[in-house]
Amino acid sequence: MRGRSGKGVVSRETTPGAGAGVSRETPPPTHAGPARPHARGVPAAVPSGAVDEQLIARPAPALRPYVSSYAAYRQAGVPPALHRGLPSPRLTMIFTLDEPLTLAGHPDPGQAPGSYATLLGGLHTRPALITHQGRQSGIQLGLHPLGARALLGLPAGELAGLDLPAEAVLGPRGRDIAERLRSAADWPERFALLDAHLLRWLDREPGGAGPAQAPEVARAWQLLTTSRGAVPVAALADDIGWSTRHLTARFRQETGLTPKAAARVIRFDRARRRLGAAARTGSPPLLAELAADCGYFDQAHLAREFRSLAGCPPSRWLAEEFRNVQAPADGCAKG
């Protein structure tokens, strides 16, 4: 689900781990059920006999400029849950293996709730709400927005804020890969299938619709990501030699977000991943420290951004995603 969190990266030989789930954005470093799917990082105690696993694998080297990770998840016999698919700097593509992905709410509030056997979601600045009834499995891919033309045949901007069945964009090849993934024997075979199919897509796609991707947009994206969202829009425009107005229009056309919105999402993604990683150790950091480390003016600024982008304060997100972690009274509890 969108941009959906909490595992370590495994090589091609992946191993099961606790806390699986979907996330509109499943993490390459970490939405509880699917969210623009996430996997839970530290779930509540798993009932005896239940299945709760997740693994992350890296795609083939030739795919890594386009795909950040493959995140596999399988849960059965666990408590029903709601998960927030949080904004991230990656598009989300999900292939379910049994029950469809159920979205109770989309980043675009005008989009009706629905269920998806496959899902393709663009960049967004509101959470997706994903639910499951105790059973779910699938694979979530994180797609780099500037690689959308090469893999999908259209700019990421055309998918901004949307959740669609993957076959609505991919056509028959989306249905084909989904069927093959469901019939595969195990996770390594599914990861190999994804490598093979995505490499063929790269060979076939002509570069997408509309004007060609401008190198200036790629440069602006690189500056934002390497600075972790710290470069002001005026400085980006000055670096590439465009007006801020022209940069904003072309950047949004290509990625789906304005440079300012992309910087917010990049900062937020880093902050919530660090918060989640610390929660998995049982000791979430104070928000004041996290805010300072992640480029926010102060704790109040981080808390406001969390409410805006996640739809809840940090303390509530921790309680939902890491149900056996106690948020510290001096910090996250004040989020």
C-alpha atoms as a PDB file:
ATOM      1  CA  MET A   1       0.000   0.000   0.000  1.00  0.00           C
ATOM      2  CA  ARG A   2       1.361   3.310  -0.069  1.00  0.00           C
ATOM      3  CA  GLY A   3       4.344   4.152   0.985  1.00  0.00           C
ATOM      4  CA  ARG A   4       3.669   1.155   4.056  1.00  0.00           C
ATOM      5  CA  SER A   5       7.453  -0.800   7.875  1.00  0.00           C
ATOM      6  CA  GLY A   6      10.060  -2.281  10.005  1.00  0.00           C
ATOM      7  CA  LYS A   7      12.482  -4.804   8.611  1.00  0.00           C
ATOM      8  CA  GLY A   8      16.058  -5.201   7.719  1.00  0.00           C
ATOM      9  CA  VAL A   9      17.273  -5.697   4.192  1.00  0.00           C
ATOM     10  CA  VAL A  10      18.073  -9.255   3.293  1.00  0.00           C
ATOM     11  CA  SER A  11      20.055 -10.460   0.306  1.00  0.00           C
ATOM     12  CA  ARG A  12      18.563 -12.733  -2.323  1.00  0.00           C
ATOM     13  CA  GLU A  13      18.354 -15.391   0.358  1.00  0.00           C
ATOM     14  CA  THR A  14      15.668 -13.902   2.552  1.00  0.00           C
ATOM     15  CA  THR A  15      14.593 -15.180   5.915  1.00  0.00           C
ATOM     16  CA  PRO A  16      11.294 -14.937   7.763  1.00  0.00           C
ATOM     17  CA  GLY A  17      10.922 -12.310  10.435  1.00  0.00           C
ATOM     18  CA  ALA A  18       8.342 -11.125  12.873  1.00  0.00           C
ATOM     19  CA  GLY A  19       6.068  -8.230  12.165  1.00  0.00           C
ATOM     20  CA  ALA A  20       4.905  -8.721   8.638  1.00  0.00           C
ATOM     21  CA  GLY A  21       2.219  -6.663   7.020  1.00  0.00           C
ATOM     22  CA  VAL A  22       1.561  -4.434   4.135  1.00  0.00           C
ATOM     23  CA  SER A  23       2.196  -0.788   3.795  1.00  0.00           C
ATOM     24  CA  ARG A  24       1.267   1.513   1.079  1.00  0.00           C
ATOM     25  CA  GLU A  25       4.901   1.856   1.402  1.00  0.00           C
ATOM     26  CA  THR A  26       6.709  -1.110   2.590  1.00  0.00           C
ATOM     27  CA  PRO A  27      10.033  -0.143   3.773  1.00  0.00           C
ATOM     28  CA  PRO A  28      13.314  -0.786   2.313  1.00  0.00           C
ATOM     29  CA  PRO A  29      14.736  -0.230   5.709  1.00  0.00           C
ATOM     30  CA  THR A  30      10.492  -0.624   7.165  1.00  0.00           C
ATOM     31  CA  HIS A  31       1.778   0.537   5.973  1.00  0.00           C
ATOM     32  CA  ALA A  32      -0.099  -3.010   9.888  1.00  0.00           C
ATOM     33  CA  GLY A  33      -2.089  -4.877   7.422  1.00  0.00           C
ATOM     34  CA  PRO A  34      -1.347  -3.410   4.215  1.00  0.00           C
ATOM     35  CA  ALA A  35      -0.839   0.231   4.084  1.00  0.00           C
ATOM     36  CA  ARG A  36      -0.014   1.723   1.188  1.00  0.00           C
ATOM     37  CA  PRO A  37       1.334  -1.350   2.684  1.00  0.00           C
ATOM     38  CA  HIS A  38       3.505  -1.645   5.653  1.00  0.00           C
ATOM     39  CA  ALA A  39       4.527  -4.489   7.756  1.00  0.00           C
ATOM     40  CA  ARG A  40       4.413  -4.097  11.459  1.00  0.00           C
ATOM     41  CA  GLY A  41       7.719  -3.761  13.145  1.00  0.00           C
ATOM     42  CA  VAL A  42       7.006  -5.039  16.654  1.00  0.00           C
ATOM     43  CA  PRO A  43       3.514  -6.539  16.732  1.00  0.00           C
ATOM     44  CA  ALA A  44       1.638  -7.668  19.770  1.00  0.00           C
ATOM     45  CA  ALA A  45       2.192 -11.270  20.808  1.00  0.00           C
ATOM     46  CA  VAL A  46       1.373 -13.618  17.939  1.00  0.00           C
ATOM     47  CA  PRO A  47      -1.207 -16.286  18.849  1.00  0.00           C
ATOM     48  CA  SER A  48       0.055 -19.842  19.017  1.00  0.00           C
ATOM     49  CA  GLY A  49      -0.038 -21.461  15.581  1.00  0.00           C
ATOM     50  CA  ALA A  50      -0.301 -18.119  13.778  1.00  0.00           C
ATOM     51  CA  VAL A  51       1.916 -17.168  10.848  1.00  0.00           C
ATOM     52  CA  ASP A  52       3.557 -13.737  10.913  1.00  0.00           C
ATOM     53  CA  GLU A  53       6.547 -13.303   8.603  1.00  0.00           C
ATOM     54  CA  GLN A  54       8.113 -10.719   6.410  1.00  0.00           C
ATOM     55  CA  LEU A  55      11.248 -10.482   4.353  1.00  0.00           C
ATOM     56  CA  ILE A  56      12.918  -7.902   2.168  1.00  0.00           C
ATOM     57  CA  ALA A  57      15.066  -8.616  -0.871  1.00  0.00           C
ATOM     58  CA  ARG A  58      16.964  -6.353  -3.228  1.00  0.00           C
ATOM     59  CA  PRO A  59      16.125  -6.512  -6.934  1.00  0.00           C
ATOM     60  CA  ALA A  60      18.667  -7.467  -9.583  1.00  0.00           C
ATOM     61  CA  PRO A  61      21.442  -4.847  -9.957  1.00  0.00           C
ATOM     62  CA  ALA A  62      20.078  -3.558 -13.287  1.00  0.00           C
ATOM     63  CA  LEU A  63      16.731  -2.826 -11.601  1.00  0.00           C
ATOM     64  CA  ARG A  64      18.033  -0.947  -8.571  1.00  0.00           C
ATOM     65  CA  PRO A  65      17.885   2.522 -10.193  1.00  0.00           C
ATOM     66  CA  TYR A  66      14.140   1.885 -10.595  1.00  0.00           C
ATOM     67  CA  VAL A  67      13.083  -0.430  -7.734  1.00  0.00           C
ATOM     68  CA  SER A  68      14.244   0.040  -4.146  1.00  0.00           C
ATOM     69  CA  SER A  69      13.116  -3.299  -2.706  1.00  0.00           C
ATOM     70  CA  TYR A  70      10.825  -6.315  -2.750  1.00  0.00           C
ATOM     71  CA  ALA A  71       8.990  -6.669   0.571  1.00  0.00           C
ATOM     72  CA  ALA A  72       7.253 -10.015   1.078  1.00  0.00           C
ATOM     73  CA  TYR A  73       4.716 -10.566   3.850  1.00  0.00           C
ATOM     74  CA  ARG A  74       2.478 -13.356   5.077  1.00  0.00           C
ATOM     75  CA  GLN A  75       0.117 -13.349   8.068  1.00  0.00           C
ATOM     76  CA  ALA A  76      -2.524 -15.872   9.103  1.00  0.00           C
ATOM     77  CA  GLY A  77      -4.333 -16.312  12.386  1.00  0.00           C
ATOM     78  CA  VAL A  78      -3.317 -12.902  13.725  1.00  0.00           C
ATOM     79  CA  PRO A  79      -5.712 -10.288  15.172  1.00  0.00           C
ATOM     80  CA  PRO A  80      -7.550  -8.058  12.650  1.00  0.00           C
ATOM     81  CA  ALA A  81      -5.829  -4.704  12.283  1.00  0.00           C
ATOM     82  CA  LEU A  82      -5.833  -1.304  10.622  1.00  0.00           C
ATOM     83  CA  HIS A  83      -2.613   0.039   9.162  1.00  0.00           C
ATOM     84  CA  ARG A  84      -1.639   3.495   7.911  1.00  0.00           C
ATOM     85  CA  GLY A  85       0.072   3.622   4.537  1.00  0.00           C
ATOM     86  CA  LEU A  86       2.290   6.652   5.027  1.00  0.00           C
ATOM     87  CA  PRO A  87       3.683   9.094   2.461  1.00  0.00           C
ATOM     88  CA  SER A  88       7.160   8.214   1.204  1.00  0.00           C
ATOM     89  CA  PRO A  89       9.450   9.118  -1.716  1.00  0.00           C
ATOM     90  CA  ARG A  90       8.508   5.908  -3.562  1.00  0.00           C
ATOM     91  CA  LEU A  91       5.540   4.685  -5.563  1.00  0.00           C
ATOM     92  CA  THR A  92       3.965   1.463  -4.325  1.00  0.00           C
ATOM     93  CA  MET A  93       3.125  -1.644  -6.340  1.00  0.00           C
ATOM     94  CA  ILE A  94       1.565  -4.630  -4.543  1.00  0.00           C
ATOM     95  CA  PHE A  95       0.715  -8.127  -5.722  1.00  0.00           C
ATOM     96  CA  THR A  96      -1.427 -10.049  -3.241  1.00  0.00           C
ATOM     97  CA  LEU A  97      -1.228 -13.839  -3.008  1.00  0.00           C
ATOM     98  CA  ASP A  98      -4.539 -14.701  -1.330  1.00  0.00           C
ATOM     99  CA  GLU A  99      -7.032 -12.213   0.151  1.00  0.00           C
ATOM    100  CA  PRO A 100      -7.230  -8.871  -1.669  1.00  0.00           C
ATOM    101  CA  LEU A 101      -5.845  -5.704  -0.137  1.00  0.00           C
ATOM    102  CA  THR A 102      -8.646  -3.718   1.525  1.00  0.00           C
ATOM    103  CA  LEU A 103      -8.329   0.050   1.636  1.00  0.00           C
ATOM    104  CA  ALA A 104     -10.778   1.730   3.983  1.00  0.00           C
ATOM    105  CA  GLY A 105      -9.417   5.128   2.998  1.00  0.00           C
ATOM    106  CA  HIS A 106      -7.256   6.489   0.183  1.00  0.00           C
ATOM    107  CA  PRO A 107      -4.850   9.437   0.156  1.00  0.00           C
ATOM    108  CA  ASP A 108      -7.427  11.129  -2.104  1.00  0.00           C
ATOM    109  CA  PRO A 109     -10.515  11.352   0.139  1.00  0.00           C
ATOM    110  CA  GLY A 110     -12.666  11.507  -2.992  1.00  0.00           C
ATOM    111  CA  GLN A 111     -11.664   7.950  -3.965  1.00  0.00           C
ATOM    112  CA  ALA A 112     -14.084   5.344  -2.637  1.00  0.00           C
ATOM    113  CA  PRO A 113     -12.842   2.488  -0.405  1.00  0.00           C
ATOM    114  CA  GLY A 114     -12.133  -0.737  -2.249  1.00  0.00           C
ATOM    115  CA  SER A 115     -10.344  -4.067  -2.459  1.00  0.00           C
ATOM    116  CA  TYR A 116      -7.410  -4.805  -4.754  1.00  0.00           C
ATOM    117  CA  ALA A 117      -5.800  -8.032  -5.931  1.00  0.00           C
ATOM    118  CA  THR A 118      -3.017  -5.802  -7.250  1.00  0.00           C
ATOM    119  CA  LEU A 119      -2.352  -2.160  -6.473  1.00  0.00           C
ATOM    120  CA  LEU A 120      -0.296   0.658  -7.950  1.00  0.00           C
ATOM    121  CA  GLY A 121      -0.125   3.855  -5.906  1.00  0.00           C
ATOM    122  CA  GLY A 122       1.505   7.190  -6.728  1.00  0.00           C
ATOM    123  CA  LEU A 123       3.256   9.632  -4.426  1.00  0.00           C
ATOM    124  CA  HIS A 124       0.917  11.178  -1.852  1.00  0.00           C
ATOM    125  CA  THR A 125       0.786  13.513   1.134  1.00  0.00           C
ATOM    126  CA  ARG A 126      -2.052  11.862   3.075  1.00  0.00           C
ATOM    127  CA  PRO A 127      -2.161   8.378   4.600  1.00  0.00           C
ATOM    128  CA  ALA A 128      -3.958   5.379   3.162  1.00  0.00           C
ATOM    129  CA  LEU A 129      -5.902   3.250   5.645  1.00  0.00           C
ATOM    130  CA  ILE A 130      -5.531  -0.509   5.150  1.00  0.00           C
ATOM    131  CA  THR A 131      -7.399  -3.194   7.017  1.00  0.00           C
ATOM    132  CA  HIS A 132      -7.199  -6.971   7.248  1.00  0.00           C
ATOM    133  CA  GLN A 133      -9.178  -9.610   9.125  1.00  0.00           C
ATOM    134  CA  GLY A 134      -6.217 -11.658  10.320  1.00  0.00           C
ATOM    135  CA  ARG A 135      -4.930 -13.068   7.044  1.00  0.00           C
ATOM    136  CA  GLN A 136      -2.930 -11.470   4.232  1.00  0.00           C
ATOM    137  CA  SER A 137       0.059 -12.168   2.021  1.00  0.00           C
ATOM    138  CA  GLY A 138       1.797 -10.609  -0.943  1.00  0.00           C
ATOM    139  CA  ILE A 139       4.807  -8.705  -2.228  1.00  0.00           C
ATOM    140  CA  GLN A 140       5.199  -4.943  -2.213  1.00  0.00           C
ATOM    141  CA  LEU A 141       7.614  -3.108  -4.499  1.00  0.00           C
ATOM    142  CA  GLY A 142       8.997   0.360  -3.860  1.00  0.00           C
ATOM    143  CA  LEU A 143       9.401   2.200  -7.176  1.00  0.00           C
ATOM    144  CA  HIS A 144      11.585   5.262  -7.649  1.00  0.00           C
ATOM    145  CA  PRO A 145       9.410   8.029  -9.179  1.00  0.00           C
ATOM    146  CA  LEU A 146      11.961   8.960 -11.854  1.00  0.00           C
ATOM    147  CA  GLY A 147      11.959   5.322 -12.973  1.00  0.00           C
ATOM    148  CA  ALA A 148       8.213   5.226 -13.626  1.00  0.00           C
ATOM    149  CA  ARG A 149       8.548   6.025 -17.326  1.00  0.00           C
ATOM    150  CA  ALA A 150      11.023   3.194 -17.851  1.00  0.00           C
ATOM    151  CA  LEU A 151       9.020   0.574 -15.929  1.00  0.00           C
ATOM    152  CA  LEU A 152       5.413   1.675 -16.316  1.00  0.00           C
ATOM    153  CA  GLY A 153       5.426   3.704 -19.535  1.00  0.00           C
ATOM    154  CA  LEU A 154       4.154   6.927 -17.954  1.00  0.00           C
ATOM    155  CA  PRO A 155       5.462   9.630 -15.619  1.00  0.00           C
ATOM    156  CA  ALA A 156       4.830   9.187 -11.908  1.00  0.00           C
ATOM    157  CA  GLY A 157       2.922  12.474 -11.975  1.00  0.00           C
ATOM    158  CA  GLU A 158      -0.007  10.753 -13.692  1.00  0.00           C
ATOM    159  CA  LEU A 159      -0.451   8.540 -10.627  1.00  0.00           C
ATOM    160  CA  ALA A 160      -0.188  11.254  -7.974  1.00  0.00           C
ATOM    161  CA  GLY A 161      -2.422  10.534  -4.984  1.00  0.00           C
ATOM    162  CA  LEU A 162      -4.130   7.621  -6.743  1.00  0.00           C
ATOM    163  CA  ASP A 163      -4.564   3.931  -5.905  1.00  0.00           C
ATOM    164  CA  LEU A 164      -5.299   1.804  -8.971  1.00  0.00           C
ATOM    165  CA  PRO A 165      -5.376  -1.881  -9.870  1.00  0.00           C
ATOM    166  CA  ALA A 166      -1.920  -2.497 -11.323  1.00  0.00           C
ATOM    167  CA  GLU A 167      -3.400  -3.944 -14.503  1.00  0.00           C
ATOM    168  CA  ALA A 168      -5.147  -0.599 -15.162  1.00  0.00           C
ATOM    169  CA  VAL A 169      -1.671   0.721 -16.016  1.00  0.00           C
ATOM    170  CA  LEU A 170       0.229  -2.452 -16.919  1.00  0.00           C
ATOM    171  CA  GLY A 171      -2.506  -4.227 -18.898  1.00  0.00           C
ATOM    172  CA  PRO A 172      -2.077  -7.979 -19.583  1.00  0.00           C
ATOM    173  CA  ARG A 173       1.479  -8.048 -18.255  1.00  0.00           C
ATOM    174  CA  GLY A 174       0.160  -7.005 -14.833  1.00  0.00           C
ATOM    175  CA  ARG A 175      -2.310  -9.909 -14.773  1.00  0.00           C
ATOM    176  CA  ASP A 176       0.356 -12.309 -16.037  1.00  0.00           C
ATOM    177  CA  ILE A 177       2.924 -11.532 -13.372  1.00  0.00           C
ATOM    178  CA  ALA A 178       0.259 -11.584 -10.651  1.00  0.00           C
ATOM    179  CA  GLU A 179      -0.830 -15.103 -11.677  1.00  0.00           C
ATOM    180  CA  ARG A 180       2.749 -16.346 -11.855  1.00  0.00           C
ATOM    181  CA  LEU A 181       3.561 -14.947  -8.413  1.00  0.00           C
ATOM    182  CA  ARG A 182       0.531 -16.710  -6.900  1.00  0.00           C
ATOM    183  CA  SER A 183       1.499 -20.058  -8.405  1.00  0.00           C
ATOM    184  CA  ALA A 184       5.205 -19.839  -7.478  1.00  0.00           C
ATOM    185  CA  ALA A 185       6.469 -22.294  -4.886  1.00  0.00           C
ATOM    186  CA  ASP A 186       8.316 -19.940  -2.519  1.00  0.00           C
ATOM    187  CA  TRP A 187       9.663 -16.426  -1.954  1.00  0.00           C
ATOM    188  CA  PRO A 188      12.997 -16.886  -3.799  1.00  0.00           C
ATOM    189  CA  GLU A 189      11.092 -18.059  -6.882  1.00  0.00           C
ATOM    190  CA  ARG A 190       8.785 -15.031  -6.647  1.00  0.00           C
ATOM    191  CA  PHE A 191      11.716 -12.638  -6.348  1.00  0.00           C
ATOM    192  CA  ALA A 192      13.342 -14.255  -9.398  1.00  0.00           C
ATOM    193  CA  LEU A 193      10.070 -13.901 -11.338  1.00  0.00           C
ATOM    194  CA  LEU A 194       9.895 -10.215 -10.483  1.00  0.00           C
ATOM    195  CA  ASP A 195      13.482  -9.710 -11.647  1.00  0.00           C
ATOM    196  CA  ALA A 196      12.825 -11.459 -14.954  1.00  0.00           C
ATOM    197  CA  HIS A 197       9.560  -9.648 -15.702  1.00  0.00           C
ATOM    198  CA  LEU A 198      10.738  -6.186 -14.672  1.00  0.00           C
ATOM    199  CA  LEU A 199      13.916  -6.521 -16.726  1.00  0.00           C
ATOM    200  CA  ARG A 200      11.758  -7.324 -19.753  1.00  0.00           C
ATOM    201  CA  TRP A 201       9.610  -4.270 -19.024  1.00  0.00           C
ATOM    202  CA  LEU A 202      12.712  -2.083 -19.100  1.00  0.00           C
ATOM    203  CA  ASP A 203      13.554  -3.413 -22.541  1.00  0.00           C
ATOM    204  CA  ARG A 204      10.040  -2.739 -23.867  1.00  0.00           C
ATOM    205  CA  GLU A 205       9.016   0.649 -22.496  1.00  0.00           C
ATOM    206  CA  PRO A 206       9.674   3.589 -24.871  1.00  0.00           C
ATOM    207  CA  GLY A 207      10.086   6.176 -22.106  1.00  0.00           C
ATOM    208  CA  GLY A 208       6.528   7.108 -21.306  1.00  0.00           C
ATOM    209  CA  ALA A 209       3.943   9.618 -22.404  1.00  0.00           C
ATOM    210  CA  GLY A 210       4.325  13.379 -22.617  1.00  0.00           C
ATOM    211  CA  PRO A 211       7.520  15.442 -22.729  1.00  0.00           C
ATOM    212  CA  ALA A 212      10.718  13.549 -22.072  1.00  0.00           C
ATOM    213  CA  GLN A 213      12.011  13.607 -18.510  1.00  0.00           C
ATOM    214  CA  ALA A 214      14.158  16.697 -18.096  1.00  0.00           C
ATOM    215  CA  PRO A 215      17.644  16.247 -16.620  1.00  0.00           C
ATOM    216  CA  GLU A 216      16.942  19.359 -14.534  1.00  0.00           C
ATOM    217  CA  VAL A 217      14.113  17.519 -12.755  1.00  0.00           C
ATOM    218  CA  ALA A 218      16.388  14.568 -12.097  1.00  0.00           C
ATOM    219  CA  ARG A 219      19.001  16.949 -10.688  1.00  0.00           C
ATOM    220  CA  ALA A 220      16.436  18.630  -8.419  1.00  0.00           C
ATOM    221  CA  TRP A 221      15.244  15.245  -7.144  1.00  0.00           C
ATOM    222  CA  GLN A 222      18.821  14.164  -6.471  1.00  0.00           C
ATOM    223  CA  LEU A 223      19.532  17.347  -4.505  1.00  0.00           C
ATOM    224  CA  LEU A 224      16.411  16.855  -2.405  1.00  0.00           C
ATOM    225  CA  THR A 225      17.096  13.213  -1.620  1.00  0.00           C
ATOM    226  CA  THR A 226      20.801  13.602  -0.875  1.00  0.00           C
ATOM    227  CA  SER A 227      20.112  16.615   1.370  1.00  0.00           C
ATOM    228  CA  ARG A 228      17.249  14.708   3.067  1.00  0.00           C
ATOM    229  CA  GLY A 229      14.777  17.399   2.049  1.00  0.00           C
ATOM    230  CA  ALA A 230      16.874  20.326   3.277  1.00  0.00           C
ATOM    231  CA  VAL A 231      17.432  22.312   0.053  1.00  0.00           C
ATOM    232  CA  PRO A 232      15.002  25.262  -0.374  1.00  0.00           C
ATOM    233  CA  VAL A 233      13.079  25.462  -3.634  1.00  0.00           C
ATOM    234  CA  ALA A 234      14.766  28.758  -4.563  1.00  0.00           C
ATOM    235  CA  ALA A 235      18.181  27.113  -4.187  1.00  0.00           C
ATOM    236  CA  LEU A 236      17.077  24.183  -6.367  1.00  0.00           C
ATOM    237  CA  ALA A 237      15.882  26.561  -9.075  1.00  0.00           C
ATOM    238  CA  ASP A 238      19.104  28.548  -8.900  1.00  0.00           C
ATOM    239  CA  ASP A 239      21.193  25.373  -9.202  1.00  0.00           C
ATOM    240  CA  ILE A 240      19.465  24.116 -12.344  1.00  0.00           C
ATOM    241  CA  GLY A 241      18.901  27.524 -13.949  1.00  0.00           C
ATOM    242  CA  TRP A 242      15.093  27.556 -13.977  1.00  0.00           C
ATOM    243  CA  SER A 243      12.579  29.880 -12.378  1.00  0.00           C
ATOM    244  CA  THR A 244      10.929  28.491  -9.255  1.00  0.00           C
ATOM    245  CA  ARG A 245       7.587  28.536 -11.073  1.00  0.00           C
ATOM    246  CA  HIS A 246       8.870  26.514 -14.032  1.00  0.00           C
ATOM    247  CA  LEU A 247      10.679  24.079 -11.745  1.00  0.00           C
ATOM    248  CA  THR A 248       7.570  23.552  -9.633  1.00  0.00           C
ATOM    249  CA  ALA A 249       5.402  22.862 -12.689  1.00  0.00           C
ATOM    250  CA  ARG A 250       7.839  20.448 -14.373  1.00  0.00           C
ATOM    251  CA  PHE A 251       8.745  18.686 -11.130  1.00  0.00           C
ATOM    252  CA  ARG A 252       5.080  18.097 -10.264  1.00  0.00           C
ATOM    253  CA  GLN A 253       4.356  16.908 -13.808  1.00  0.00           C
ATOM    254  CA  GLU A 254       7.111  14.293 -13.524  1.00  0.00           C
ATOM    255  CA  THR A 255       6.783  13.115  -9.910  1.00  0.00           C
ATOM    256  CA  GLY A 256       3.307  14.092  -8.735  1.00  0.00           C
ATOM    257  CA  LEU A 257       4.565  16.389  -5.976  1.00  0.00           C
ATOM    258  CA  THR A 258       5.903  19.934  -5.942  1.00  0.00           C
ATOM    259  CA  PRO A 259       9.543  20.302  -4.794  1.00  0.00           C
ATOM    260  CA  LYS A 260       8.320  21.726  -1.478  1.00  0.00           C
ATOM    261  CA  ALA A 261       5.923  18.809  -0.915  1.00  0.00           C
ATOM    262  CA  ALA A 262       8.619  16.311  -1.911  1.00  0.00           C
ATOM    263  CA  ALA A 263      11.006  17.830   0.638  1.00  0.00           C
ATOM    264  CA  ARG A 264       8.320  17.459   3.343  1.00  0.00           C
ATOM    265  CA  VAL A 265       7.743  13.817   2.432  1.00  0.00           C
ATOM    266  CA  ILE A 266      11.480  13.026   2.350  1.00  0.00           C
ATOM    267  CA  ARG A 267      12.012  14.563   5.805  1.00  0.00           C
ATOM    268  CA  PHE A 268       8.950  12.829   7.215  1.00  0.00           C
ATOM    269  CA  ASP A 269       9.906   9.459   5.751  1.00  0.00           C
ATOM    270  CA  ARG A 270      13.308   9.655   7.402  1.00  0.00           C
ATOM    271  CA  ALA A 271      11.840  10.727  10.746  1.00  0.00           C
ATOM    272  CA  ARG A 272       9.186   8.025  10.921  1.00  0.00           C
ATOM    273  CA  ARG A 273      11.640   5.319   9.860  1.00  0.00           C
ATOM    274  CA  ARG A 274      14.034   6.360  12.586  1.00  0.00           C
ATOM    275  CA  LEU A 275      11.178   6.458  15.072  1.00  0.00           C
ATOM    276  CA  GLY A 276      10.050   2.997  13.989  1.00  0.00           C
ATOM    277  CA  ALA A 277      13.550   1.552  14.076  1.00  0.00           C
ATOM    278  CA  ALA A 278      14.019   2.821  17.633  1.00  0.00           C
ATOM    279  CA  ALA A 279      10.597   1.504  18.662  1.00  0.00           C
ATOM    280  CA  ARG A 280      11.593  -1.969  17.533  1.00  0.00           C
ATOM    281  CA  THR A 281      14.378  -1.849  20.090  1.00  0.00           C
ATOM    282  CA  GLY A 282      11.872  -0.849  22.771  1.00  0.00           C
ATOM    283  CA  SER A 283      13.180   2.681  23.261  1.00  0.00           C
ATOM    284  CA  PRO A 284      11.661   5.348  20.992  1.00  0.00           C
ATOM    285  CA  PRO A 285      13.665   8.606  21.036  1.00  0.00           C
ATOM    286  CA  LEU A 286      12.434  11.891  22.427  1.00  0.00           C
ATOM    287  CA  LEU A 287      10.687  13.877  19.717  1.00  0.00           C
ATOM    288  CA  ALA A 288      12.856  16.923  20.398  1.00  0.00           C
ATOM    289  CA  GLU A 289      15.984  14.914  19.567  1.00  0.00           C
ATOM    290  CA  LEU A 290      14.374  13.324  16.520  1.00  0.00           C
ATOM    291  CA  ALA A 291      13.195  16.733  15.247  1.00  0.00           C
ATOM    292  CA  ALA A 292      16.669  18.207  15.527  1.00  0.00           C
ATOM    293  CA  ASP A 293      18.267  15.234  13.753  1.00  0.00           C
ATOM    294  CA  CYS A 294      15.728  15.220  10.894  1.00  0.00           C
ATOM    295  CA  GLY A 295      15.732  18.910   9.964  1.00  0.00           C
ATOM    296  CA  TYR A 296      12.672  20.232  11.796  1.00  0.00           C
ATOM    297  CA  PHE A 297      12.640  23.571  13.612  1.00  0.00           C
ATOM    298  CA  ASP A 298      11.566  21.944  16.855  1.00  0.00           C
ATOM    299  CA  GLN A 299       9.433  19.174  18.359  1.00  0.00           C
ATOM    300  CA  ALA A 300       6.205  21.094  17.681  1.00  0.00           C
ATOM    301  CA  HIS A 301       7.100  21.363  13.985  1.00  0.00           C
ATOM    302  CA  LEU A 302       7.694  17.603  13.752  1.00  0.00           C
ATOM    303  CA  ALA A 303       4.448  16.869  15.595  1.00  0.00           C
ATOM    304  CA  ARG A 304       2.473  19.123  13.214  1.00  0.00           C
ATOM    305  CA  GLU A 305       4.013  17.458  10.182  1.00  0.00           C
ATOM    306  CA  PHE A 306       3.253  14.013  11.613  1.00  0.00           C
ATOM    307  CA  ARG A 307      -0.407  14.942  12.132  1.00  0.00           C
ATOM    308  CA  SER A 308      -0.609  16.365   8.608  1.00  0.00           C
ATOM    309  CA  LEU A 309       1.120  13.511   6.772  1.00  0.00           C
ATOM    310  CA  ALA A 310       0.225  10.513   8.955  1.00  0.00           C
ATOM    311  CA  GLY A 311      -3.198  11.721  10.107  1.00  0.00           C
ATOM    312  CA  CYS A 312      -2.295  11.204  13.777  1.00  0.00           C
ATOM    313  CA  PRO A 313       0.336  12.205  16.351  1.00  0.00           C
ATOM    314  CA  PRO A 314       3.546  10.153  16.666  1.00  0.00           C
ATOM    315  CA  SER A 315       2.387   8.540  19.917  1.00  0.00           C
ATOM    316  CA  ARG A 316      -0.762   7.162  18.264  1.00  0.00           C
ATOM    317  CA  TRP A 317       1.200   5.878  15.274  1.00  0.00           C
ATOM    318  CA  LEU A 318       3.586   4.066  17.601  1.00  0.00           C
ATOM    319  CA  ALA A 319       0.679   2.539  19.501  1.00  0.00           C
ATOM    320  CA  GLU A 320      -0.974   1.336  16.277  1.00  0.00           C
ATOM    321  CA  GLU A 321       2.115   0.015  14.518  1.00  0.00           C
ATOM    322  CA  PHE A 322       4.137  -1.240  17.481  1.00  0.00           C
ATOM    323  CA  ARG A 323       1.488  -2.340  19.889  1.00  0.00           C
ATOM    324  CA  ASN A 324       3.794  -3.735  22.523  1.00  0.00           C
ATOM    325  CA  VAL A 325       5.988  -0.605  22.702  1.00  0.00           C
ATOM    326  CA  GLN A 326       5.314   1.964  25.407  1.00  0.00           C
ATOM    327  CA  ALA A 327       5.889   5.497  24.132  1.00  0.00           C
ATOM    328  CA  PRO A 328       7.988   7.496  26.592  1.00  0.00           C
ATOM    329  CA  ALA A 329       6.069  10.043  28.618  1.00  0.00           C
ATOM    330  CA  ASP A 330       8.548  12.808  27.823  1.00  0.00           C
ATOM    331  CA  GLY A 331       8.532  12.945  24.049  1.00  0.00           C
ATOM    332  CA  CYS A 332       6.419  10.752  21.838  1.00  0.00           C
ATOM    333  CA  ALA A 333       3.522  10.828  24.268  1.00  0.00           C
ATOM    334  CA  LYS A 334       3.445  14.578  23.753  1.00  0.00           C
ATOM    335  CA  GLY A 335       3.257  14.191  19.983  1.00  0.00           C
END
